[in-house]
Amino acid sequence: LHVGDITEQGFPFYGGSLTYAVPLPPLAEG
């Protein structure tokens, strides 16, 4: 999924929870 409206990415009617996996920048570790 791209950042932006999910109704235009295949989910116009979806109403449950949606979890995005966001990688941490290497400098943020620790």
mmCIF file of all heavy atoms, coordinates in Angstrom:
data_MODEL
# 
_entry.id   MODEL 
# 
loop_
_atom_site.group_PDB 
_atom_site.id 
_atom_site.type_symbol 
_atom_site.label_atom_id 
_atom_site.label_alt_id 
_atom_site.label_comp_id 
_atom_site.label_asym_id 
_atom_site.label_entity_id 
_atom_site.label_seq_id 
_atom_site.pdbx_PDB_ins_code 
_atom_site.Cartn_x 
_atom_site.Cartn_y 
_atom_site.Cartn_z 
_atom_site.occupancy 
_atom_site.B_iso_or_equiv 
_atom_site.pdbx_formal_charge 
_atom_site.auth_seq_id 
_atom_site.auth_comp_id 
_atom_site.auth_asym_id 
_atom_site.auth_atom_id 
_atom_site.pdbx_PDB_model_num 
ATOM 1   N N   . LEU A 1 1  ? 0.841   -1.194 0.000  1.00 0.00 ? 1  LEU A N   1 
ATOM 2   C CA  . LEU A 1 1  ? 0.000   0.000  0.000  1.00 0.00 ? 1  LEU A CA  1 
ATOM 3   C C   . LEU A 1 1  ? 0.878   1.246  0.000  1.00 0.00 ? 1  LEU A C   1 
ATOM 4   O O   . LEU A 1 1  ? 1.868   1.325  0.733  1.00 0.00 ? 1  LEU A O   1 
ATOM 5   C CB  . LEU A 1 1  ? -0.912  0.023  1.226  1.00 0.00 ? 1  LEU A CB  1 
ATOM 6   C CG  . LEU A 1 1  ? -2.128  -0.902 1.198  1.00 0.00 ? 1  LEU A CG  1 
ATOM 7   C CD1 . LEU A 1 1  ? -2.912  -0.770 2.486  1.00 0.00 ? 1  LEU A CD1 1 
ATOM 8   C CD2 . LEU A 1 1  ? -3.020  -0.607 -0.002 1.00 0.00 ? 1  LEU A CD2 1 
ATOM 9   N N   . HIS A 1 2  ? 0.503   2.201  -0.805 1.00 0.00 ? 2  HIS A N   1 
ATOM 10  C CA  . HIS A 1 2  ? 1.167   3.494  -0.824 1.00 0.00 ? 2  HIS A CA  1 
ATOM 11  C C   . HIS A 1 2  ? 0.522   4.409  0.215  1.00 0.00 ? 2  HIS A C   1 
ATOM 12  O O   . HIS A 1 2  ? -0.627  4.198  0.638  1.00 0.00 ? 2  HIS A O   1 
ATOM 13  C CB  . HIS A 1 2  ? 1.060   4.127  -2.207 1.00 0.00 ? 2  HIS A CB  1 
ATOM 14  C CG  . HIS A 1 2  ? 1.788   3.371  -3.275 1.00 0.00 ? 2  HIS A CG  1 
ATOM 15  N ND1 . HIS A 1 2  ? 3.102   3.622  -3.600 1.00 0.00 ? 2  HIS A ND1 1 
ATOM 16  C CD2 . HIS A 1 2  ? 1.386   2.355  -4.083 1.00 0.00 ? 2  HIS A CD2 1 
ATOM 17  C CE1 . HIS A 1 2  ? 3.486   2.808  -4.560 1.00 0.00 ? 2  HIS A CE1 1 
ATOM 18  N NE2 . HIS A 1 2  ? 2.463   2.029  -4.881 1.00 0.00 ? 2  HIS A NE2 1 
ATOM 19  N N   . VAL A 1 3  ? 1.235   5.437  0.619  1.00 0.00 ? 3  VAL A N   1 
ATOM 20  C CA  . VAL A 1 3  ? 0.623   6.480  1.436  1.00 0.00 ? 3  VAL A CA  1 
ATOM 21  C C   . VAL A 1 3  ? -0.460  7.144  0.602  1.00 0.00 ? 3  VAL A C   1 
ATOM 22  O O   . VAL A 1 3  ? -0.230  7.527  -0.543 1.00 0.00 ? 3  VAL A O   1 
ATOM 23  C CB  . VAL A 1 3  ? 1.675   7.514  1.880  1.00 0.00 ? 3  VAL A CB  1 
ATOM 24  C CG1 . VAL A 1 3  ? 0.999   8.718  2.527  1.00 0.00 ? 3  VAL A CG1 1 
ATOM 25  C CG2 . VAL A 1 3  ? 2.667   6.873  2.836  1.00 0.00 ? 3  VAL A CG2 1 
ATOM 26  N N   . GLY A 1 4  ? -1.644  7.239  1.153  1.00 0.00 ? 4  GLY A N   1 
ATOM 27  C CA  . GLY A 1 4  ? -2.757  7.822  0.411  1.00 0.00 ? 4  GLY A CA  1 
ATOM 28  C C   . GLY A 1 4  ? -4.028  7.035  0.657  1.00 0.00 ? 4  GLY A C   1 
ATOM 29  O O   . GLY A 1 4  ? -4.057  6.045  1.404  1.00 0.00 ? 4  GLY A O   1 
ATOM 30  N N   . ASP A 1 5  ? -5.069  7.462  0.028  1.00 0.00 ? 5  ASP A N   1 
ATOM 31  C CA  . ASP A 1 5  ? -6.416  6.945  0.225  1.00 0.00 ? 5  ASP A CA  1 
ATOM 32  C C   . ASP A 1 5  ? -6.502  5.479  -0.209 1.00 0.00 ? 5  ASP A C   1 
ATOM 33  O O   . ASP A 1 5  ? -6.269  5.153  -1.376 1.00 0.00 ? 5  ASP A O   1 
ATOM 34  C CB  . ASP A 1 5  ? -7.386  7.807  -0.583 1.00 0.00 ? 5  ASP A CB  1 
ATOM 35  C CG  . ASP A 1 5  ? -8.835  7.472  -0.328 1.00 0.00 ? 5  ASP A CG  1 
ATOM 36  O OD1 . ASP A 1 5  ? -9.122  6.564  0.487  1.00 0.00 ? 5  ASP A OD1 1 
ATOM 37  O OD2 . ASP A 1 5  ? -9.696  8.124  -0.955 1.00 0.00 ? 5  ASP A OD2 1 
ATOM 38  N N   . ILE A 1 6  ? -6.870  4.576  0.719  1.00 0.00 ? 6  ILE A N   1 
ATOM 39  C CA  . ILE A 1 6  ? -6.967  3.159  0.361  1.00 0.00 ? 6  ILE A CA  1 
ATOM 40  C C   . ILE A 1 6  ? -8.205  2.860  -0.469 1.00 0.00 ? 6  ILE A C   1 
ATOM 41  O O   . ILE A 1 6  ? -8.285  1.800  -1.092 1.00 0.00 ? 6  ILE A O   1 
ATOM 42  C CB  . ILE A 1 6  ? -6.950  2.246  1.603  1.00 0.00 ? 6  ILE A CB  1 
ATOM 43  C CG1 . ILE A 1 6  ? -8.207  2.458  2.458  1.00 0.00 ? 6  ILE A CG1 1 
ATOM 44  C CG2 . ILE A 1 6  ? -5.677  2.435  2.397  1.00 0.00 ? 6  ILE A CG2 1 
ATOM 45  C CD1 . ILE A 1 6  ? -8.403  1.375  3.501  1.00 0.00 ? 6  ILE A CD1 1 
ATOM 46  N N   . THR A 1 7  ? -9.179  3.780  -0.503 1.00 0.00 ? 7  THR A N   1 
ATOM 47  C CA  . THR A 1 7  ? -10.368 3.526  -1.324 1.00 0.00 ? 7  THR A CA  1 
ATOM 48  C C   . THR A 1 7  ? -10.010 3.498  -2.801 1.00 0.00 ? 7  THR A C   1 
ATOM 49  O O   . THR A 1 7  ? -10.779 2.975  -3.610 1.00 0.00 ? 7  THR A O   1 
ATOM 50  C CB  . THR A 1 7  ? -11.464 4.579  -1.083 1.00 0.00 ? 7  THR A CB  1 
ATOM 51  O OG1 . THR A 1 7  ? -11.048 5.851  -1.600 1.00 0.00 ? 7  THR A OG1 1 
ATOM 52  C CG2 . THR A 1 7  ? -11.798 4.706  0.392  1.00 0.00 ? 7  THR A CG2 1 
ATOM 53  N N   . GLU A 1 8  ? -8.836  4.052  -3.151 1.00 0.00 ? 8  GLU A N   1 
ATOM 54  C CA  . GLU A 1 8  ? -8.380  4.037  -4.541 1.00 0.00 ? 8  GLU A CA  1 
ATOM 55  C C   . GLU A 1 8  ? -7.298  2.983  -4.775 1.00 0.00 ? 8  GLU A C   1 
ATOM 56  O O   . GLU A 1 8  ? -6.667  2.950  -5.827 1.00 0.00 ? 8  GLU A O   1 
ATOM 57  C CB  . GLU A 1 8  ? -7.846  5.425  -4.913 1.00 0.00 ? 8  GLU A CB  1 
ATOM 58  C CG  . GLU A 1 8  ? -8.897  6.524  -4.807 1.00 0.00 ? 8  GLU A CG  1 
ATOM 59  C CD  . GLU A 1 8  ? -8.341  7.909  -5.074 1.00 0.00 ? 8  GLU A CD  1 
ATOM 60  O OE1 . GLU A 1 8  ? -7.103  8.010  -5.254 1.00 0.00 ? 8  GLU A OE1 1 
ATOM 61  O OE2 . GLU A 1 8  ? -9.118  8.872  -5.103 1.00 0.00 ? 8  GLU A OE2 1 
ATOM 62  N N   . GLN A 1 9  ? -7.084  2.117  -3.762 1.00 0.00 ? 9  GLN A N   1 
ATOM 63  C CA  . GLN A 1 9  ? -6.048  1.085  -3.873 1.00 0.00 ? 9  GLN A CA  1 
ATOM 64  C C   . GLN A 1 9  ? -6.615  -0.319 -3.683 1.00 0.00 ? 9  GLN A C   1 
ATOM 65  O O   . GLN A 1 9  ? -5.891  -1.240 -3.315 1.00 0.00 ? 9  GLN A O   1 
ATOM 66  C CB  . GLN A 1 9  ? -4.941  1.341  -2.847 1.00 0.00 ? 9  GLN A CB  1 
ATOM 67  C CG  . GLN A 1 9  ? -4.237  2.679  -3.008 1.00 0.00 ? 9  GLN A CG  1 
ATOM 68  C CD  . GLN A 1 9  ? -3.103  2.841  -2.013 1.00 0.00 ? 9  GLN A CD  1 
ATOM 69  O OE1 . GLN A 1 9  ? -2.104  2.121  -2.036 1.00 0.00 ? 9  GLN A OE1 1 
ATOM 70  N NE2 . GLN A 1 9  ? -3.245  3.815  -1.105 1.00 0.00 ? 9  GLN A NE2 1 
ATOM 71  N N   . GLY A 1 10 ? -7.899  -0.480 -3.942 1.00 0.00 ? 10 GLY A N   1 
ATOM 72  C CA  . GLY A 1 10 ? -8.505  -1.799 -3.850 1.00 0.00 ? 10 GLY A CA  1 
ATOM 73  C C   . GLY A 1 10 ? -9.383  -2.015 -2.648 1.00 0.00 ? 10 GLY A C   1 
ATOM 74  O O   . GLY A 1 10 ? -9.935  -3.109 -2.470 1.00 0.00 ? 10 GLY A O   1 
ATOM 75  N N   . PHE A 1 11 ? -9.559  -0.969 -1.802 1.00 0.00 ? 11 PHE A N   1 
ATOM 76  C CA  . PHE A 1 11 ? -10.330 -1.135 -0.572 1.00 0.00 ? 11 PHE A CA  1 
ATOM 77  C C   . PHE A 1 11 ? -11.353 -0.008 -0.390 1.00 0.00 ? 11 PHE A C   1 
ATOM 78  O O   . PHE A 1 11 ? -11.356 0.686  0.627  1.00 0.00 ? 11 PHE A O   1 
ATOM 79  C CB  . PHE A 1 11 ? -9.383  -1.189 0.631  1.00 0.00 ? 11 PHE A CB  1 
ATOM 80  C CG  . PHE A 1 11 ? -8.344  -2.267 0.516  1.00 0.00 ? 11 PHE A CG  1 
ATOM 81  C CD1 . PHE A 1 11 ? -7.053  -1.963 0.102  1.00 0.00 ? 11 PHE A CD1 1 
ATOM 82  C CD2 . PHE A 1 11 ? -8.660  -3.582 0.796  1.00 0.00 ? 11 PHE A CD2 1 
ATOM 83  C CE1 . PHE A 1 11 ? -6.098  -2.957 -0.023 1.00 0.00 ? 11 PHE A CE1 1 
ATOM 84  C CE2 . PHE A 1 11 ? -7.704  -4.587 0.677  1.00 0.00 ? 11 PHE A CE2 1 
ATOM 85  C CZ  . PHE A 1 11 ? -6.423  -4.279 0.260  1.00 0.00 ? 11 PHE A CZ  1 
ATOM 86  N N   . PRO A 1 12 ? -12.253 0.195  -1.355 1.00 0.00 ? 12 PRO A N   1 
ATOM 87  C CA  . PRO A 1 12 ? -13.203 1.304  -1.225 1.00 0.00 ? 12 PRO A CA  1 
ATOM 88  C C   . PRO A 1 12 ? -14.201 1.125  -0.089 1.00 0.00 ? 12 PRO A C   1 
ATOM 89  O O   . PRO A 1 12 ? -14.678 2.115  0.473  1.00 0.00 ? 12 PRO A O   1 
ATOM 90  C CB  . PRO A 1 12 ? -13.906 1.319  -2.584 1.00 0.00 ? 12 PRO A CB  1 
ATOM 91  C CG  . PRO A 1 12 ? -13.744 -0.067 -3.122 1.00 0.00 ? 12 PRO A CG  1 
ATOM 92  C CD  . PRO A 1 12 ? -12.414 -0.522 -2.625 1.00 0.00 ? 12 PRO A CD  1 
ATOM 93  N N   . PHE A 1 13 ? -14.513 -0.119 0.268  1.00 0.00 ? 13 PHE A N   1 
ATOM 94  C CA  . PHE A 1 13 ? -15.563 -0.363 1.256  1.00 0.00 ? 13 PHE A CA  1 
ATOM 95  C C   . PHE A 1 13 ? -15.045 -0.995 2.545  1.00 0.00 ? 13 PHE A C   1 
ATOM 96  O O   . PHE A 1 13 ? -15.826 -1.277 3.447  1.00 0.00 ? 13 PHE A O   1 
ATOM 97  C CB  . PHE A 1 13 ? -16.638 -1.280 0.662  1.00 0.00 ? 13 PHE A CB  1 
ATOM 98  C CG  . PHE A 1 13 ? -17.189 -0.819 -0.662 1.00 0.00 ? 13 PHE A CG  1 
ATOM 99  C CD1 . PHE A 1 13 ? -17.000 -1.579 -1.806 1.00 0.00 ? 13 PHE A CD1 1 
ATOM 100 C CD2 . PHE A 1 13 ? -17.885 0.374  -0.773 1.00 0.00 ? 13 PHE A CD2 1 
ATOM 101 C CE1 . PHE A 1 13 ? -17.506 -1.162 -3.026 1.00 0.00 ? 13 PHE A CE1 1 
ATOM 102 C CE2 . PHE A 1 13 ? -18.383 0.809  -1.992 1.00 0.00 ? 13 PHE A CE2 1 
ATOM 103 C CZ  . PHE A 1 13 ? -18.192 0.036  -3.132 1.00 0.00 ? 13 PHE A CZ  1 
ATOM 104 N N   . TYR A 1 14 ? -13.751 -1.213 2.639  1.00 0.00 ? 14 TYR A N   1 
ATOM 105 C CA  . TYR A 1 14 ? -13.202 -1.913 3.807  1.00 0.00 ? 14 TYR A CA  1 
ATOM 106 C C   . TYR A 1 14 ? -13.332 -1.047 5.051  1.00 0.00 ? 14 TYR A C   1 
ATOM 107 O O   . TYR A 1 14 ? -13.040 0.150  5.026  1.00 0.00 ? 14 TYR A O   1 
ATOM 108 C CB  . TYR A 1 14 ? -11.736 -2.271 3.564  1.00 0.00 ? 14 TYR A CB  1 
ATOM 109 C CG  . TYR A 1 14 ? -11.112 -3.056 4.687  1.00 0.00 ? 14 TYR A CG  1 
ATOM 110 C CD1 . TYR A 1 14 ? -11.491 -4.370 4.929  1.00 0.00 ? 14 TYR A CD1 1 
ATOM 111 C CD2 . TYR A 1 14 ? -10.150 -2.485 5.515  1.00 0.00 ? 14 TYR A CD2 1 
ATOM 112 C CE1 . TYR A 1 14 ? -10.921 -5.100 5.964  1.00 0.00 ? 14 TYR A CE1 1 
ATOM 113 C CE2 . TYR A 1 14 ? -9.572  -3.206 6.541  1.00 0.00 ? 14 TYR A CE2 1 
ATOM 114 C CZ  . TYR A 1 14 ? -9.963  -4.508 6.766  1.00 0.00 ? 14 TYR A CZ  1 
ATOM 115 O OH  . TYR A 1 14 ? -9.401  -5.221 7.806  1.00 0.00 ? 14 TYR A OH  1 
ATOM 116 N N   . GLY A 1 15 ? -13.750 -1.670 6.175  1.00 0.00 ? 15 GLY A N   1 
ATOM 117 C CA  . GLY A 1 15 ? -13.958 -0.910 7.402  1.00 0.00 ? 15 GLY A CA  1 
ATOM 118 C C   . GLY A 1 15 ? -13.355 -1.536 8.631  1.00 0.00 ? 15 GLY A C   1 
ATOM 119 O O   . GLY A 1 15 ? -13.655 -1.120 9.746  1.00 0.00 ? 15 GLY A O   1 
ATOM 120 N N   . GLY A 1 16 ? -12.503 -2.548 8.471  1.00 0.00 ? 16 GLY A N   1 
ATOM 121 C CA  . GLY A 1 16 ? -11.834 -3.148 9.626  1.00 0.00 ? 16 GLY A CA  1 
ATOM 122 C C   . GLY A 1 16 ? -10.519 -2.453 9.921  1.00 0.00 ? 16 GLY A C   1 
ATOM 123 O O   . GLY A 1 16 ? -10.247 -1.352 9.454  1.00 0.00 ? 16 GLY A O   1 
ATOM 124 N N   . SER A 1 17 ? -9.667  -3.112 10.698 1.00 0.00 ? 17 SER A N   1 
ATOM 125 C CA  . SER A 1 17 ? -8.342  -2.566 10.985 1.00 0.00 ? 17 SER A CA  1 
ATOM 126 C C   . SER A 1 17 ? -7.380  -2.926 9.865  1.00 0.00 ? 17 SER A C   1 
ATOM 127 O O   . SER A 1 17 ? -7.497  -3.977 9.236  1.00 0.00 ? 17 SER A O   1 
ATOM 128 C CB  . SER A 1 17 ? -7.809  -3.101 12.312 1.00 0.00 ? 17 SER A CB  1 
ATOM 129 O OG  . SER A 1 17 ? -8.557  -2.597 13.395 1.00 0.00 ? 17 SER A OG  1 
ATOM 130 N N   . LEU A 1 18 ? -6.417  -2.040 9.650  1.00 0.00 ? 18 LEU A N   1 
ATOM 131 C CA  . LEU A 1 18 ? -5.425  -2.198 8.597  1.00 0.00 ? 18 LEU A CA  1 
ATOM 132 C C   . LEU A 1 18 ? -4.063  -1.868 9.196  1.00 0.00 ? 18 LEU A C   1 
ATOM 133 O O   . LEU A 1 18 ? -3.876  -0.778 9.740  1.00 0.00 ? 18 LEU A O   1 
ATOM 134 C CB  . LEU A 1 18 ? -5.752  -1.245 7.445  1.00 0.00 ? 18 LEU A CB  1 
ATOM 135 C CG  . LEU A 1 18 ? -4.707  -0.991 6.381  1.00 0.00 ? 18 LEU A CG  1 
ATOM 136 C CD1 . LEU A 1 18 ? -4.444  -2.253 5.582  1.00 0.00 ? 18 LEU A CD1 1 
ATOM 137 C CD2 . LEU A 1 18 ? -5.160  0.137  5.459  1.00 0.00 ? 18 LEU A CD2 1 
ATOM 138 N N   . THR A 1 19 ? -3.115  -2.814 9.137  1.00 0.00 ? 19 THR A N   1 
ATOM 139 C CA  . THR A 1 19 ? -1.814  -2.617 9.771  1.00 0.00 ? 19 THR A CA  1 
ATOM 140 C C   . THR A 1 19 ? -0.727  -2.435 8.723  1.00 0.00 ? 19 THR A C   1 
ATOM 141 O O   . THR A 1 19 ? -0.507  -3.313 7.887  1.00 0.00 ? 19 THR A O   1 
ATOM 142 C CB  . THR A 1 19 ? -1.458  -3.812 10.673 1.00 0.00 ? 19 THR A CB  1 
ATOM 143 O OG1 . THR A 1 19 ? -2.466  -3.942 11.689 1.00 0.00 ? 19 THR A OG1 1 
ATOM 144 C CG2 . THR A 1 19 ? -0.106  -3.598 11.340 1.00 0.00 ? 19 THR A CG2 1 
ATOM 145 N N   . TYR A 1 20 ? -0.055  -1.289 8.774  1.00 0.00 ? 20 TYR A N   1 
ATOM 146 C CA  . TYR A 1 20 ? 1.075   -0.992 7.903  1.00 0.00 ? 20 TYR A CA  1 
ATOM 147 C C   . TYR A 1 20 ? 2.362   -1.420 8.612  1.00 0.00 ? 20 TYR A C   1 
ATOM 148 O O   . TYR A 1 20 ? 2.555   -1.118 9.802  1.00 0.00 ? 20 TYR A O   1 
ATOM 149 C CB  . TYR A 1 20 ? 1.178   0.503  7.603  1.00 0.00 ? 20 TYR A CB  1 
ATOM 150 C CG  . TYR A 1 20 ? 0.022   1.114  6.852  1.00 0.00 ? 20 TYR A CG  1 
ATOM 151 C CD1 . TYR A 1 20 ? -1.171  1.437  7.498  1.00 0.00 ? 20 TYR A CD1 1 
ATOM 152 C CD2 . TYR A 1 20 ? 0.134   1.414  5.494  1.00 0.00 ? 20 TYR A CD2 1 
ATOM 153 C CE1 . TYR A 1 20 ? -2.223  2.032  6.811  1.00 0.00 ? 20 TYR A CE1 1 
ATOM 154 C CE2 . TYR A 1 20 ? -0.907  2.016  4.803  1.00 0.00 ? 20 TYR A CE2 1 
ATOM 155 C CZ  . TYR A 1 20 ? -2.090  2.318  5.469  1.00 0.00 ? 20 TYR A CZ  1 
ATOM 156 O OH  . TYR A 1 20 ? -3.123  2.914  4.789  1.00 0.00 ? 20 TYR A OH  1 
ATOM 157 N N   . ALA A 1 21 ? 3.268   -2.092 7.893  1.00 0.00 ? 21 ALA A N   1 
ATOM 158 C CA  . ALA A 1 21 ? 4.585   -2.455 8.435  1.00 0.00 ? 21 ALA A CA  1 
ATOM 159 C C   . ALA A 1 21 ? 5.589   -1.397 7.993  1.00 0.00 ? 21 ALA A C   1 
ATOM 160 O O   . ALA A 1 21 ? 5.882   -1.259 6.804  1.00 0.00 ? 21 ALA A O   1 
ATOM 161 C CB  . ALA A 1 21 ? 5.001   -3.827 7.936  1.00 0.00 ? 21 ALA A CB  1 
ATOM 162 N N   . VAL A 1 22 ? 6.103   -0.636 8.958  1.00 0.00 ? 22 VAL A N   1 
ATOM 163 C CA  . VAL A 1 22 ? 6.992   0.496  8.659  1.00 0.00 ? 22 VAL A CA  1 
ATOM 164 C C   . VAL A 1 22 ? 8.397   0.162  9.156  1.00 0.00 ? 22 VAL A C   1 
ATOM 165 O O   . VAL A 1 22 ? 8.623   0.078  10.368 1.00 0.00 ? 22 VAL A O   1 
ATOM 166 C CB  . VAL A 1 22 ? 6.486   1.786  9.332  1.00 0.00 ? 22 VAL A CB  1 
ATOM 167 C CG1 . VAL A 1 22 ? 7.389   2.959  8.983  1.00 0.00 ? 22 VAL A CG1 1 
ATOM 168 C CG2 . VAL A 1 22 ? 5.041   2.076  8.915  1.00 0.00 ? 22 VAL A CG2 1 
ATOM 169 N N   . PRO A 1 23 ? 9.362   -0.029 8.254  1.00 0.00 ? 23 PRO A N   1 
ATOM 170 C CA  . PRO A 1 23 ? 10.733  -0.340 8.692  1.00 0.00 ? 23 PRO A CA  1 
ATOM 171 C C   . PRO A 1 23 ? 11.335  0.830  9.469  1.00 0.00 ? 23 PRO A C   1 
ATOM 172 O O   . PRO A 1 23 ? 11.140  1.993  9.120  1.00 0.00 ? 23 PRO A O   1 
ATOM 173 C CB  . PRO A 1 23 ? 11.487  -0.581 7.379  1.00 0.00 ? 23 PRO A CB  1 
ATOM 174 C CG  . PRO A 1 23 ? 10.432  -0.802 6.342  1.00 0.00 ? 23 PRO A CG  1 
ATOM 175 C CD  . PRO A 1 23 ? 9.242   -0.012 6.787  1.00 0.00 ? 23 PRO A CD  1 
ATOM 176 N N   . LEU A 1 24 ? 12.094  0.501  10.514 1.00 0.00 ? 24 LEU A N   1 
ATOM 177 C CA  . LEU A 1 24 ? 12.779  1.542  11.275 1.00 0.00 ? 24 LEU A CA  1 
ATOM 178 C C   . LEU A 1 24 ? 14.035  1.986  10.545 1.00 0.00 ? 24 LEU A C   1 
ATOM 179 O O   . LEU A 1 24 ? 14.778  1.155  10.008 1.00 0.00 ? 24 LEU A O   1 
ATOM 180 C CB  . LEU A 1 24 ? 13.184  1.016  12.650 1.00 0.00 ? 24 LEU A CB  1 
ATOM 181 C CG  . LEU A 1 24 ? 12.199  1.123  13.796 1.00 0.00 ? 24 LEU A CG  1 
ATOM 182 C CD1 . LEU A 1 24 ? 12.849  0.623  15.069 1.00 0.00 ? 24 LEU A CD1 1 
ATOM 183 C CD2 . LEU A 1 24 ? 11.721  2.546  13.984 1.00 0.00 ? 24 LEU A CD2 1 
ATOM 184 N N   . PRO A 1 25 ? 14.318  3.277  10.513 1.00 0.00 ? 25 PRO A N   1 
ATOM 185 C CA  . PRO A 1 25 ? 15.609  3.729  9.978  1.00 0.00 ? 25 PRO A CA  1 
ATOM 186 C C   . PRO A 1 25 ? 16.740  3.122  10.797 1.00 0.00 ? 25 PRO A C   1 
ATOM 187 O O   . PRO A 1 25 ? 16.639  3.023  12.028 1.00 0.00 ? 25 PRO A O   1 
ATOM 188 C CB  . PRO A 1 25 ? 15.547  5.251  10.134 1.00 0.00 ? 25 PRO A CB  1 
ATOM 189 C CG  . PRO A 1 25 ? 14.083  5.568  10.236 1.00 0.00 ? 25 PRO A CG  1 
ATOM 190 C CD  . PRO A 1 25 ? 13.459  4.403  10.917 1.00 0.00 ? 25 PRO A CD  1 
ATOM 191 N N   . PRO A 1 26 ? 17.839  2.720  10.171 1.00 0.00 ? 26 PRO A N   1 
ATOM 192 C CA  . PRO A 1 26 ? 18.946  2.093  10.919 1.00 0.00 ? 26 PRO A CA  1 
ATOM 193 C C   . PRO A 1 26 ? 19.435  2.944  12.086 1.00 0.00 ? 26 PRO A C   1 
ATOM 194 O O   . PRO A 1 26 ? 19.799  2.406  13.139 1.00 0.00 ? 26 PRO A O   1 
ATOM 195 C CB  . PRO A 1 26 ? 20.028  1.918  9.848  1.00 0.00 ? 26 PRO A CB  1 
ATOM 196 C CG  . PRO A 1 26 ? 19.265  1.822  8.559  1.00 0.00 ? 26 PRO A CG  1 
ATOM 197 C CD  . PRO A 1 26 ? 18.091  2.739  8.717  1.00 0.00 ? 26 PRO A CD  1 
ATOM 198 N N   . LEU A 1 27 ? 19.447  4.254  11.924 1.00 0.00 ? 27 LEU A N   1 
ATOM 199 C CA  . LEU A 1 27 ? 19.950  5.115  12.996 1.00 0.00 ? 27 LEU A CA  1 
ATOM 200 C C   . LEU A 1 27 ? 19.038  5.121  14.222 1.00 0.00 ? 27 LEU A C   1 
ATOM 201 O O   . LEU A 1 27 ? 19.444  5.556  15.304 1.00 0.00 ? 27 LEU A O   1 
ATOM 202 C CB  . LEU A 1 27 ? 20.119  6.550  12.476 1.00 0.00 ? 27 LEU A CB  1 
ATOM 203 C CG  . LEU A 1 27 ? 21.247  6.775  11.470 1.00 0.00 ? 27 LEU A CG  1 
ATOM 204 C CD1 . LEU A 1 27 ? 21.222  8.213  10.951 1.00 0.00 ? 27 LEU A CD1 1 
ATOM 205 C CD2 . LEU A 1 27 ? 22.607  6.479  12.115 1.00 0.00 ? 27 LEU A CD2 1 
ATOM 206 N N   . ALA A 1 28 ? 17.809  4.653  14.062 1.00 0.00 ? 28 ALA A N   1 
ATOM 207 C CA  . ALA A 1 28 ? 16.867  4.664  15.184 1.00 0.00 ? 28 ALA A CA  1 
ATOM 208 C C   . ALA A 1 28 ? 17.023  3.449  16.087 1.00 0.00 ? 28 ALA A C   1 
ATOM 209 O O   . ALA A 1 28 ? 16.533  3.452  17.218 1.00 0.00 ? 28 ALA A O   1 
ATOM 210 C CB  . ALA A 1 28 ? 15.435  4.727  14.653 1.00 0.00 ? 28 ALA A CB  1 
ATOM 211 N N   . GLU A 1 29 ? 17.687  2.413  15.626 1.00 0.00 ? 29 GLU A N   1 
ATOM 212 C CA  . GLU A 1 29 ? 17.819  1.184  16.412 1.00 0.00 ? 29 GLU A CA  1 
ATOM 213 C C   . GLU A 1 29 ? 18.611  1.445  17.686 1.00 0.00 ? 29 GLU A C   1 
ATOM 214 O O   . GLU A 1 29 ? 19.631  2.136  17.676 1.00 0.00 ? 29 GLU A O   1 
ATOM 215 C CB  . GLU A 1 29 ? 18.469  0.101  15.564 1.00 0.00 ? 29 GLU A CB  1 
ATOM 216 C CG  . GLU A 1 29 ? 17.609  -0.335 14.379 1.00 0.00 ? 29 GLU A CG  1 
ATOM 217 C CD  . GLU A 1 29 ? 18.235  -1.467 13.594 1.00 0.00 ? 29 GLU A CD  1 
ATOM 218 O OE1 . GLU A 1 29 ? 19.163  -2.094 14.121 1.00 0.00 ? 29 GLU A OE1 1 
ATOM 219 O OE2 . GLU A 1 29 ? 17.791  -1.704 12.454 1.00 0.00 ? 29 GLU A OE2 1 
ATOM 220 N N   . GLY A 1 30 ? 18.106  0.905  18.796 1.00 0.00 ? 30 GLY A N   1 
ATOM 221 C CA  . GLY A 1 30 ? 18.766  1.079  20.088 1.00 0.00 ? 30 GLY A CA  1 
ATOM 222 C C   . GLY A 1 30 ? 18.458  2.384  20.766 1.00 0.00 ? 30 GLY A C   1 
ATOM 223 O O   . GLY A 1 30 ? 19.023  2.676  21.824 1.00 0.00 ? 30 GLY A O   1 
# 
